Amino acid sequence: MTTNCILAQAPVTRRVRAYFAPVDRATKTPVFFDPASPSTFLLDSPPSPWIDLGWVQQLSRQSLSKSKAVLTGNPASTLEQVRETLEAQVSLEFLSWSKLTMALATGSQHMNVLACANGVSPSADGGQAATAILVELGATSSVIPLAAVELAKFAPGEMIAVDSDYAGQTGFVGWPVSGAYVRRPLTDVDYVRRITFNVAVISQVTSNGLLLAQPLPGGIPQVGAKLQKICGFVDREGGSFFQEWSGLFILEGTQGDRICFHYPRLQTIAEAREGSVLLDSKHKDGLERIVLKGHFMALPVTDALDGERVLSYRSFQPANHALI
């Protein structure tokens, strides 16, 4: 007698979507993804503080954890296994260049190139910046009110950084995303705005302030925050700071199913890396797309459910009416 068994098909996907959220570096508190609420995590509009980094390619997950056999008896035989080490790595290629993808693809500080004052000496990180402008009360993550006399200094399409003055503090700096670790007090009052992730593009200049093309990643600026124009980004190889973020990679199935790889703590372990992809494989000397390469090490967290130390979570949400 034979039994007919209908098996659920393996998910079919096209691409991988990447999302990152800042880890609180001072407390080592990550951002957790809850697989029990898939309907609240919209791919095109993820809940805060997750940041959508678009499609990525060449996602590779590698477990380097090691187990060890516990031997007993004579002759010795395996009684059980214990986990000896926990280690995992993730690598991928970002298909877009942005403030955050550049930061994730480098191992150290990633900085904003502040617009310089006239006649300053050149510097590899950007020279002395033009004087910062105070943000008026009533700012939101998308609207930056300024004094009327300051509005003429800005135009749509320009980039700005919004954060507080540096006041000699040490340790992790940058709010709410830590962009650097300062070991001894500095003298650059603009240092926090050099490393802040609170950046945006101006979409419109009104009679009252600046409208931003996208909300500031850090949300509403702190009282007393100032802004400066930025003309690009710069990172460097070396230094003692490591980028650390919570990572989430989602594969959307063609039938409505979804696979999610969640890493609460990912630290960049490679220096600045990039590669090229030929746009036309038939012509070796044709146009090339320059892609950023990210390589990360997963750091452990303690699962509040049972106190176990874990590196990552893999969740699967079947399609409606799919066999389980």
Protein backbone atom coordinates (compact mmCIF):
# COMPACT_ATOMS: atom_id res chain seq x y z
CA MET A 1 0.00 0.00 0.00
CA THR A 2 1.31 3.44 -0.86
CA THR A 3 0.52 6.72 0.82
CA ASN A 4 0.28 9.90 -1.20
CA CYS A 5 2.16 12.71 0.57
CA ILE A 6 1.87 16.30 -0.55
CA LEU A 7 4.93 18.34 0.38
CA ALA A 8 5.12 22.11 0.66
CA GLN A 9 7.31 23.60 -2.04
CA ALA A 10 10.55 25.37 -1.22
CA PRO A 11 10.19 29.17 -1.29
CA VAL A 12 11.06 30.90 -4.56
CA THR A 13 12.60 34.35 -4.22
CA ARG A 14 14.31 36.88 -6.46
CA ARG A 15 16.32 39.24 -4.29
CA VAL A 16 17.27 40.02 -0.69
CA ARG A 17 16.14 43.17 1.11
CA ALA A 18 18.42 44.56 3.85
CA TYR A 19 17.48 46.62 6.90
CA PHE A 20 19.73 47.95 9.64
CA ALA A 21 19.03 49.63 12.98
CA PRO A 22 21.48 51.31 15.39
CA VAL A 23 22.75 49.48 18.45
CA ASP A 24 23.02 51.55 21.64
CA ARG A 25 26.77 51.30 21.97
CA ALA A 26 26.98 52.48 25.57
CA THR A 27 24.60 49.78 26.85
CA LYS A 28 25.13 47.25 24.02
CA THR A 29 21.35 47.21 23.49
CA PRO A 30 20.35 45.96 20.01
CA VAL A 31 17.10 46.33 18.08
CA PHE A 32 15.10 43.11 17.92
CA PHE A 33 12.89 41.97 15.05
CA ASP A 34 9.69 40.28 16.19
CA PRO A 35 8.61 37.54 13.75
CA ALA A 36 5.21 37.35 15.47
CA SER A 37 4.11 40.58 13.78
CA PRO A 38 4.97 40.22 10.08
CA SER A 39 2.11 42.49 9.00
CA THR A 40 3.62 45.46 10.83
CA PHE A 41 6.96 45.16 9.04
CA LEU A 42 6.24 46.62 5.61
CA LEU A 43 9.14 46.18 3.21
CA ASP A 44 8.82 49.66 1.72
CA SER A 45 8.04 51.36 5.04
CA PRO A 46 9.76 49.52 7.90
CA PRO A 47 8.95 50.52 11.48
CA SER A 48 11.39 52.83 13.26
CA PRO A 49 14.29 52.54 13.96
CA TRP A 50 14.87 50.11 11.06
CA ILE A 51 16.40 51.77 7.99
CA ASP A 52 15.72 50.35 4.54
CA LEU A 53 18.94 49.88 2.55
CA GLY A 54 17.23 48.41 -0.49
CA TRP A 55 18.24 45.31 -2.38
CA VAL A 56 21.53 43.53 -1.76
CA GLN A 57 23.22 40.67 -3.56
CA GLN A 58 25.65 37.85 -2.82
CA LEU A 59 24.32 37.40 0.72
CA SER A 60 26.37 34.74 2.44
CA ARG A 61 25.80 33.44 5.98
CA GLN A 62 28.60 31.42 7.50
CA SER A 63 28.50 29.67 10.85
CA LEU A 64 31.93 29.21 12.41
CA SER A 65 30.65 27.93 15.75
CA LYS A 66 32.37 24.79 17.03
CA SER A 67 31.04 21.87 19.03
CA LYS A 68 33.04 19.48 21.15
CA ALA A 69 32.36 15.88 22.09
CA VAL A 70 32.32 14.90 25.76
CA LEU A 71 33.98 11.49 25.99
CA THR A 72 33.47 8.86 28.66
CA GLY A 73 34.25 5.20 29.28
CA ASN A 74 37.11 2.92 28.28
CA PRO A 75 37.50 2.88 25.39
CA ALA A 76 36.27 6.48 25.21
CA SER A 77 33.04 7.12 23.40
CA THR A 78 30.93 10.21 22.88
CA LEU A 79 28.48 10.84 25.69
CA GLU A 80 27.14 14.14 24.43
CA GLN A 81 28.06 17.34 22.62
CA VAL A 82 28.71 20.77 24.03
CA ARG A 83 29.06 24.03 22.21
CA GLU A 84 32.67 25.15 22.49
CA THR A 85 32.61 28.49 20.63
CA LEU A 86 30.03 30.80 19.08
CA GLU A 87 30.96 32.59 15.88
CA ALA A 88 29.16 33.60 12.71
CA GLN A 89 29.88 35.93 9.81
CA VAL A 90 27.78 37.61 7.13
CA SER A 91 28.92 39.06 3.82
CA LEU A 92 27.00 40.85 1.06
CA GLU A 93 27.15 43.50 -1.65
CA PHE A 94 25.15 46.72 -1.41
CA LEU A 95 23.64 47.84 -4.70
CA SER A 96 23.43 51.50 -3.71
CA TRP A 97 25.83 54.06 -2.26
CA SER A 98 24.50 56.07 0.66
CA LYS A 99 25.62 57.44 3.99
CA LEU A 100 24.76 54.20 5.77
CA THR A 101 25.91 51.68 3.15
CA MET A 102 29.30 53.40 3.01
CA ALA A 103 29.52 53.30 6.81
CA LEU A 104 28.62 49.60 6.90
CA ALA A 105 31.23 48.82 4.27
CA THR A 106 34.08 50.33 6.26
CA GLY A 107 35.54 49.28 9.59
CA SER A 108 36.06 52.68 11.20
CA GLN A 109 34.48 56.13 11.44
CA HIS A 110 32.43 57.29 8.52
CA MET A 111 32.34 61.08 8.32
CA ASN A 112 30.45 63.89 6.67
CA VAL A 113 32.54 66.32 4.65
CA LEU A 114 31.36 69.63 6.06
CA ALA A 115 31.34 72.63 3.73
CA CYS A 116 34.49 74.61 4.46
CA ALA A 117 34.92 78.22 5.41
CA ASN A 118 36.74 80.39 2.87
CA GLY A 119 40.53 80.29 2.81
CA VAL A 120 41.05 77.34 5.17
CA SER A 121 43.93 74.89 4.97
CA PRO A 122 43.11 71.58 3.23
CA SER A 123 42.60 68.43 5.28
CA ALA A 124 42.00 64.77 4.37
CA ASP A 125 38.82 64.77 6.49
CA GLY A 126 37.66 68.18 5.28
CA GLY A 127 39.04 71.48 6.51
CA GLN A 128 37.68 73.91 9.09
CA ALA A 129 33.94 74.09 8.53
CA ALA A 130 31.79 77.15 7.94
CA THR A 131 30.01 78.35 11.07
CA ALA A 132 27.10 76.13 12.13
CA ILE A 133 23.56 77.57 12.20
CA LEU A 134 21.24 77.18 15.19
CA VAL A 135 18.03 75.21 14.62
CA GLU A 136 15.02 77.18 15.84
CA LEU A 137 12.45 75.72 18.23
CA GLY A 138 9.68 73.62 16.67
CA ALA A 139 11.88 71.37 14.55
CA THR A 140 10.64 67.94 13.49
CA SER A 141 12.41 65.07 11.75
CA SER A 142 11.27 66.49 8.38
CA VAL A 143 11.10 70.27 8.95
CA ILE A 144 14.01 72.39 10.18
CA PRO A 145 12.96 75.96 11.11
CA LEU A 146 15.65 78.64 10.70
CA ALA A 147 15.93 82.35 11.24
CA ALA A 148 14.88 84.29 8.13
CA VAL A 149 18.37 85.71 7.63
CA GLU A 150 19.80 82.18 7.30
CA LEU A 151 17.38 80.76 4.72
CA ALA A 152 19.06 82.36 1.71
CA LYS A 153 22.17 80.25 2.40
CA PHE A 154 20.39 77.05 1.37
CA ALA A 155 18.91 75.59 -1.81
CA PRO A 156 16.95 72.43 -2.70
CA GLY A 157 19.16 69.44 -3.37
CA GLU A 158 21.83 70.40 -0.83
CA MET A 159 22.73 68.04 2.02
CA ILE A 160 22.83 68.98 5.68
CA ALA A 161 23.98 67.45 8.96
CA VAL A 162 22.02 68.26 12.13
CA ASP A 163 23.42 67.63 15.61
CA SER A 164 24.77 69.30 18.72
CA ASP A 165 28.10 71.03 19.22
CA TYR A 166 30.96 68.89 20.48
CA ALA A 167 31.60 69.88 24.10
CA GLY A 168 34.66 67.89 25.06
CA GLN A 169 32.89 64.64 25.91
CA THR A 170 34.67 61.29 25.60
CA GLY A 171 33.37 57.80 24.87
CA PHE A 172 30.71 57.13 22.23
CA VAL A 173 29.47 60.34 20.57
CA GLY A 174 26.66 61.07 18.16
CA TRP A 175 22.94 61.03 18.92
CA PRO A 176 20.99 58.79 18.69
CA VAL A 177 23.44 56.80 16.53
CA SER A 178 27.01 56.55 17.80
CA GLY A 179 29.33 57.53 14.99
CA ALA A 180 32.68 57.47 16.79
CA TYR A 181 34.46 56.72 20.05
CA VAL A 182 36.55 59.59 21.47
CA ARG A 183 39.40 58.54 23.74
CA ARG A 184 40.51 62.02 24.79
CA PRO A 185 38.88 65.47 24.52
CA LEU A 186 39.07 67.21 21.13
CA THR A 187 39.01 70.87 20.18
CA ASP A 188 36.80 70.70 17.05
CA VAL A 189 33.38 72.08 18.00
CA ASP A 190 31.93 70.58 14.80
CA TYR A 191 33.20 67.03 15.45
CA VAL A 192 29.79 65.56 16.31
CA ARG A 193 28.31 66.92 13.06
CA ARG A 194 31.26 65.39 11.19
CA ILE A 195 30.37 61.90 12.40
CA THR A 196 26.59 62.17 12.90
CA PHE A 197 24.15 59.99 10.99
CA ASN A 198 21.49 62.70 11.27
CA VAL A 199 21.82 63.82 7.66
CA ALA A 200 19.26 64.59 4.96
CA VAL A 201 18.69 66.29 1.61
CA ILE A 202 16.77 69.58 1.36
CA SER A 203 13.70 69.26 -0.83
CA GLN A 204 12.33 72.79 -0.43
CA VAL A 205 13.24 76.10 1.20
CA THR A 206 10.18 77.88 2.61
CA SER A 207 9.76 81.22 4.33
CA ASN A 208 10.09 79.50 7.70
CA GLY A 209 12.68 76.79 7.23
CA LEU A 210 13.86 73.73 5.34
CA LEU A 211 11.71 70.81 4.21
CA LEU A 212 13.67 67.57 4.00
CA ALA A 213 13.34 64.94 1.29
CA GLN A 214 13.41 62.20 3.93
CA PRO A 215 13.13 62.28 7.73
CA LEU A 216 16.31 62.56 9.76
CA PRO A 217 17.33 59.02 10.84
CA GLY A 218 17.70 60.22 14.42
CA GLY A 219 14.27 61.81 14.57
CA ILE A 220 13.56 65.24 16.07
CA PRO A 221 16.79 67.21 16.67
CA GLN A 222 17.76 67.94 20.25
CA VAL A 223 17.15 71.43 21.61
CA GLY A 224 20.19 73.54 20.79
CA ALA A 225 21.16 71.46 17.76
CA LYS A 226 22.84 73.19 14.84
CA LEU A 227 23.14 72.38 11.16
CA GLN A 228 25.85 72.61 8.53
CA LYS A 229 25.99 71.92 4.83
CA ILE A 230 27.79 68.78 3.76
CA CYS A 231 29.26 68.17 0.34
CA GLY A 232 29.96 64.44 0.55
CA PHE A 233 31.21 61.63 2.75
CA VAL A 234 34.64 60.29 3.65
CA ASP A 235 35.89 57.24 5.50
CA ARG A 236 39.36 56.02 6.28
CA GLU A 237 41.17 52.76 6.81
CA GLY A 238 42.43 52.32 10.35
CA GLY A 239 41.41 53.77 13.66
CA SER A 240 39.94 52.09 16.73
CA PHE A 241 36.19 52.46 16.10
CA PHE A 242 34.04 49.60 14.78
CA GLN A 243 30.61 50.06 13.24
CA GLU A 244 27.92 48.03 15.03
CA TRP A 245 24.30 47.66 13.90
CA SER A 246 21.37 45.29 14.16
CA GLY A 247 20.81 43.60 10.81
CA LEU A 248 17.76 42.07 9.16
CA PHE A 249 17.70 40.35 5.76
CA ILE A 250 14.35 39.42 4.22
CA LEU A 251 13.65 37.11 1.29
CA GLU A 252 10.10 37.59 0.01
CA GLY A 253 8.66 34.48 -1.65
CA THR A 254 6.55 34.59 -4.79
CA GLN A 255 3.61 32.98 -2.96
CA GLY A 256 3.60 35.43 -0.07
CA ASP A 257 5.95 33.45 2.15
CA ARG A 258 8.88 35.18 3.84
CA ILE A 259 12.28 34.12 5.19
CA CYS A 260 14.01 36.45 7.66
CA PHE A 261 17.58 36.35 8.93
CA HIS A 262 17.95 38.51 12.03
CA TYR A 263 21.29 39.43 13.60
CA PRO A 264 20.83 41.57 16.73
CA ARG A 265 24.49 42.66 16.74
CA LEU A 266 26.70 42.89 13.66
CA GLN A 267 30.13 44.50 13.73
CA THR A 268 32.00 45.37 10.57
CA ILE A 269 35.19 43.30 10.35
CA ALA A 270 36.60 44.48 7.04
CA GLU A 271 38.08 47.79 5.98
CA ALA A 272 36.60 49.78 3.10
CA ARG A 273 35.88 47.37 0.25
CA GLU A 274 34.28 47.76 -3.13
CA GLY A 275 34.00 45.73 -6.31
CA SER A 276 32.82 46.17 -9.87
CA VAL A 277 30.18 44.46 -11.97
CA LEU A 278 30.16 44.78 -15.77
CA LEU A 279 26.86 46.16 -17.02
CA ASP A 280 27.40 44.36 -20.32
CA SER A 281 29.20 41.05 -19.90
CA LYS A 282 29.94 40.91 -23.64
CA HIS A 283 32.27 43.90 -23.47
CA LYS A 284 35.14 43.63 -20.99
CA ASP A 285 35.99 47.32 -21.33
CA GLY A 286 32.39 48.52 -20.98
CA LEU A 287 30.64 50.36 -18.18
CA GLU A 288 30.99 48.96 -14.67
CA ARG A 289 28.76 49.28 -11.63
CA ILE A 290 30.79 49.92 -8.46
CA VAL A 291 29.29 48.04 -5.52
CA LEU A 292 30.12 48.24 -1.83
CA LYS A 293 31.06 45.03 -0.05
CA GLY A 294 30.10 44.45 3.56
CA HIS A 295 31.62 41.80 5.82
CA PHE A 296 30.35 41.43 9.37
CA MET A 297 30.90 39.40 12.52
CA ALA A 298 27.87 38.50 14.63
CA LEU A 299 28.18 39.26 18.35
CA PRO A 300 26.14 37.28 20.89
CA VAL A 301 23.09 38.44 22.82
CA THR A 302 21.29 36.82 25.73
CA ASP A 303 17.82 35.65 24.75
CA ALA A 304 15.38 36.82 27.43
CA LEU A 305 13.21 33.77 26.75
CA ASP A 306 15.57 31.29 28.41
CA GLY A 307 18.89 33.02 29.01
CA GLU A 308 20.69 31.31 26.13
CA ARG A 309 23.49 33.08 24.27
CA VAL A 310 22.70 33.33 20.55
CA LEU A 311 24.09 35.00 17.44
CA SER A 312 21.17 35.10 15.03
CA TYR A 313 17.59 34.04 14.36
CA ARG A 314 16.10 32.49 11.22
CA SER A 315 12.33 32.76 10.89
CA PHE A 316 9.92 31.50 8.25
CA GLN A 317 6.41 32.78 7.61
CA PRO A 318 4.51 30.39 5.30
CA ALA A 319 2.13 31.65 2.65
CA ASN A 320 -1.58 31.60 3.45
CA HIS A 321 -3.05 28.08 3.27
CA ALA A 322 0.38 26.56 2.72
CA LEU A 323 0.99 23.10 4.14
CA ILE A 324 3.10 22.99 7.27
